[in-house]
Amino acid sequence: MAGLDVDGTALEAAWLASVTAVLDRATLPVPEGPRTGAWAAGAGRQGLHTESFGRMLAEMQHLHRSHPGASW
């Protein structure tokens, strides 16, 4: 697929418009995403994580520690 140029900004805008329309019809708010609000992209490197990420990380650490040297 040489020569295929994708305009990420336009693609994201189109996606957000589509998702927003669906959520509006369902009378649901658009949740904050990785580019908005307190959870800006890169915040994880500053130690800012969601609660669900903490649970997932704990599970991954448990598996790693329970099975040293294992590969998946």
C-alpha atoms as a PDB file:
ATOM      1  CA  MET A   1       0.000   0.000   0.000  1.00  0.00           C
ATOM      2  CA  ALA A   2       2.742   2.385  -0.882  1.00  0.00           C
ATOM      3  CA  GLY A   3       1.642   5.947  -1.355  1.00  0.00           C
ATOM      4  CA  LEU A   4      -1.409   5.650   0.898  1.00  0.00           C
ATOM      5  CA  ASP A   5      -1.647   8.856   2.926  1.00  0.00           C
ATOM      6  CA  VAL A   6      -4.014   9.015   5.852  1.00  0.00           C
ATOM      7  CA  ASP A   7      -5.018  12.305   7.407  1.00  0.00           C
ATOM      8  CA  GLY A   8      -5.216  11.279  11.066  1.00  0.00           C
ATOM      9  CA  THR A   9      -6.793  14.536  12.162  1.00  0.00           C
ATOM     10  CA  ALA A  10      -9.592  14.274   9.589  1.00  0.00           C
ATOM     11  CA  LEU A  11     -10.110  10.603  10.385  1.00  0.00           C
ATOM     12  CA  GLU A  12     -10.379  11.316  14.103  1.00  0.00           C
ATOM     13  CA  ALA A  13     -12.792  14.205  13.484  1.00  0.00           C
ATOM     14  CA  ALA A  14     -15.023  12.020  11.312  1.00  0.00           C
ATOM     15  CA  TRP A  15     -14.957   9.221  13.886  1.00  0.00           C
ATOM     16  CA  LEU A  16     -15.767  11.587  16.750  1.00  0.00           C
ATOM     17  CA  ALA A  17     -18.657  13.117  14.791  1.00  0.00           C
ATOM     18  CA  SER A  18     -20.081   9.665  14.097  1.00  0.00           C
ATOM     19  CA  VAL A  19     -19.730   8.478  17.695  1.00  0.00           C
ATOM     20  CA  THR A  20     -21.106  11.746  19.068  1.00  0.00           C
ATOM     21  CA  ALA A  21     -24.202  11.429  16.869  1.00  0.00           C
ATOM     22  CA  VAL A  22     -24.882   7.921  18.213  1.00  0.00           C
ATOM     23  CA  LEU A  23     -24.332   8.979  21.818  1.00  0.00           C
ATOM     24  CA  ASP A  24     -26.546  12.035  21.353  1.00  0.00           C
ATOM     25  CA  ARG A  25     -29.399   9.838  20.078  1.00  0.00           C
ATOM     26  CA  ALA A  26     -28.940   7.651  23.148  1.00  0.00           C
ATOM     27  CA  THR A  27     -28.916  10.758  25.369  1.00  0.00           C
ATOM     28  CA  LEU A  28     -25.451   9.865  26.637  1.00  0.00           C
ATOM     29  CA  PRO A  29     -22.582  12.292  27.128  1.00  0.00           C
ATOM     30  CA  VAL A  30     -19.353  11.895  25.198  1.00  0.00           C
ATOM     31  CA  PRO A  31     -16.864  10.635  27.788  1.00  0.00           C
ATOM     32  CA  GLU A  32     -13.555  12.328  28.291  1.00  0.00           C
ATOM     33  CA  GLY A  33     -10.933  10.701  26.141  1.00  0.00           C
ATOM     34  CA  PRO A  34      -7.163  10.518  26.043  1.00  0.00           C
ATOM     35  CA  ARG A  35      -6.936  13.972  24.438  1.00  0.00           C
ATOM     36  CA  THR A  36      -9.346  15.791  26.736  1.00  0.00           C
ATOM     37  CA  GLY A  37      -9.835  16.445  30.388  1.00  0.00           C
ATOM     38  CA  ALA A  38      -7.577  15.277  33.181  1.00  0.00           C
ATOM     39  CA  TRP A  39      -6.439  12.183  31.288  1.00  0.00           C
ATOM     40  CA  ALA A  40      -4.371  13.835  28.588  1.00  0.00           C
ATOM     41  CA  ALA A  41      -2.190  11.571  26.472  1.00  0.00           C
ATOM     42  CA  GLY A  42       1.060  10.844  28.242  1.00  0.00           C
ATOM     43  CA  ALA A  43      -0.371  11.300  31.720  1.00  0.00           C
ATOM     44  CA  GLY A  44       0.394   7.653  32.507  1.00  0.00           C
ATOM     45  CA  ARG A  45       4.075   8.470  32.530  1.00  0.00           C
ATOM     46  CA  GLN A  46       3.287  10.967  35.258  1.00  0.00           C
ATOM     47  CA  GLY A  47       1.544   8.298  37.331  1.00  0.00           C
ATOM     48  CA  LEU A  48      -2.025   9.288  36.401  1.00  0.00           C
ATOM     49  CA  HIS A  49      -4.048   6.154  35.650  1.00  0.00           C
ATOM     50  CA  THR A  50      -7.684   5.177  35.749  1.00  0.00           C
ATOM     51  CA  GLU A  51      -8.954   2.768  38.371  1.00  0.00           C
ATOM     52  CA  SER A  52      -9.549   0.065  35.766  1.00  0.00           C
ATOM     53  CA  PHE A  53      -5.949   0.341  34.567  1.00  0.00           C
ATOM     54  CA  GLY A  54      -4.756  -0.245  38.125  1.00  0.00           C
ATOM     55  CA  ARG A  55      -6.748  -3.489  38.356  1.00  0.00           C
ATOM     56  CA  MET A  56      -5.459  -4.648  34.969  1.00  0.00           C
ATOM     57  CA  LEU A  57      -1.855  -3.840  35.924  1.00  0.00           C
ATOM     58  CA  ALA A  58      -2.195  -5.750  39.205  1.00  0.00           C
ATOM     59  CA  GLU A  59      -3.490  -8.791  37.304  1.00  0.00           C
ATOM     60  CA  MET A  60      -0.615  -8.656  34.814  1.00  0.00           C
ATOM     61  CA  GLN A  61       1.932  -8.304  37.621  1.00  0.00           C
ATOM     62  CA  HIS A  62       0.377 -11.262  39.459  1.00  0.00           C
ATOM     63  CA  LEU A  63       0.637 -13.446  36.354  1.00  0.00           C
ATOM     64  CA  HIS A  64       4.221 -12.395  35.716  1.00  0.00           C
ATOM     65  CA  ARG A  65       5.245 -13.093  39.308  1.00  0.00           C
ATOM     66  CA  SER A  66       3.342 -16.397  39.462  1.00  0.00           C
ATOM     67  CA  HIS A  67       4.956 -17.734  36.291  1.00  0.00           C
ATOM     68  CA  PRO A  68       8.526 -16.397  36.079  1.00  0.00           C
ATOM     69  CA  GLY A  69      10.118 -16.949  32.690  1.00  0.00           C
ATOM     70  CA  ALA A  70       6.810 -17.781  30.984  1.00  0.00           C
ATOM     71  CA  SER A  71       6.068 -16.344  27.584  1.00  0.00           C
ATOM     72  CA  TRP A  72       2.706 -15.821  25.930  1.00  0.00           C
END
